[in-house]
Protein backbone atom coordinates (compact mmCIF):
# COMPACT_ATOMS: atom_id res chain seq x y z
CA MET A 1 -15.44 -3.15 -17.28
CA CYS A 2 -18.99 -1.86 -17.26
CA ASP A 3 -20.40 0.72 -14.82
CA LYS A 4 -23.02 -1.77 -13.64
CA GLU A 5 -20.31 -4.13 -12.42
CA LEU A 6 -18.51 -1.31 -10.59
CA ARG A 7 -21.69 -0.25 -8.77
CA SER A 8 -22.75 -3.75 -7.79
CA ASP A 9 -21.99 -5.55 -4.54
CA LYS A 10 -19.11 -7.30 -6.26
CA LYS A 11 -16.01 -7.75 -4.11
CA TRP A 12 -12.54 -7.18 -5.55
CA CYS A 13 -9.24 -8.53 -4.22
CA TYR A 14 -7.80 -5.07 -4.91
CA ASP A 15 -10.02 -3.72 -2.09
CA CYS A 16 -8.94 -6.33 0.49
CA LYS A 17 -6.49 -5.59 3.28
CA ASN A 18 -4.66 -8.81 2.43
CA TYR A 19 -3.98 -7.86 -1.20
CA TYR A 20 -0.60 -6.54 -2.32
CA THR A 21 1.55 -6.46 -5.44
CA THR A 22 5.20 -7.03 -6.15
CA THR A 23 7.14 -5.92 -9.19
CA PHE A 24 9.75 -8.00 -10.98
CA CYS A 25 11.28 -6.99 -14.30
CA GLY A 26 8.45 -4.51 -14.91
CA TYR A 27 5.69 -7.06 -14.27
CA ASN A 28 3.25 -6.51 -11.37
CA ALA A 29 2.32 -9.74 -9.61
CA SER A 30 -0.84 -9.96 -7.47
CA HIS A 31 -0.63 -11.62 -4.05
CA CYS A 32 -2.77 -12.38 -1.02
CA ARG A 33 -1.16 -12.46 2.43
CA ILE A 34 -3.32 -15.49 3.30
CA HIS A 35 -3.66 -17.46 0.06
CA GLY A 36 -0.45 -16.55 -1.77
CA SER A 37 -0.07 -15.76 -5.43
CA LEU A 38 -3.12 -14.71 -7.41
CA ASP A 39 -1.17 -15.07 -10.65
CA MET A 40 -0.31 -18.79 -10.48
CA ASP A 41 -3.53 -20.15 -11.95
CA GLN A 42 -5.81 -17.30 -12.92
CA LYS A 43 -8.61 -19.71 -13.82
CA GLU A 44 -8.96 -20.47 -10.10
CA ARG A 45 -7.57 -17.43 -8.27
CA HIS A 46 -7.82 -14.23 -10.28
CA PRO A 47 -8.03 -10.87 -8.42
CA ASP A 48 -11.13 -9.88 -10.40
CA ILE A 49 -13.22 -12.88 -9.32
CA THR A 50 -11.72 -14.55 -6.25
CA ALA A 51 -12.89 -12.06 -3.59
CA ASN A 52 -16.58 -12.86 -4.16
CA THR A 53 -16.10 -16.34 -2.70
CA CYS A 54 -13.21 -15.70 -0.30
CA LYS A 55 -14.03 -16.29 3.37
CA ASP A 56 -10.99 -14.22 4.41
CA TYR A 57 -11.96 -11.08 2.47
CA ASP A 58 -11.42 -7.97 4.62
CA PHE A 59 -12.56 -4.72 2.94
CA LYS A 60 -10.01 -1.97 3.48
CA GLY A 61 -12.57 0.82 3.22
CA THR A 62 -11.94 2.18 -0.27
CA HIS A 63 -12.53 0.79 -3.74
CA TRP A 64 -9.60 0.49 -6.13
CA TYR A 65 -11.52 2.32 -8.87
CA ASN A 66 -12.14 5.39 -6.65
CA LYS A 67 -8.47 6.12 -6.03
């Protein structure tokens, strides 16, 4: 991921209050409390791109890459 993309106004599901992960057999699955799994069809709902168009996005106050 390039620095330009990190500094842009891009939204990330990882930064949303509705985002969470679960772990099963060592695999982390991405989920949204409103829209469900973000792993089902990553062409439509991938955590790296979905937040930009999500009407339910709620920024939690910190960026995932600053943790």
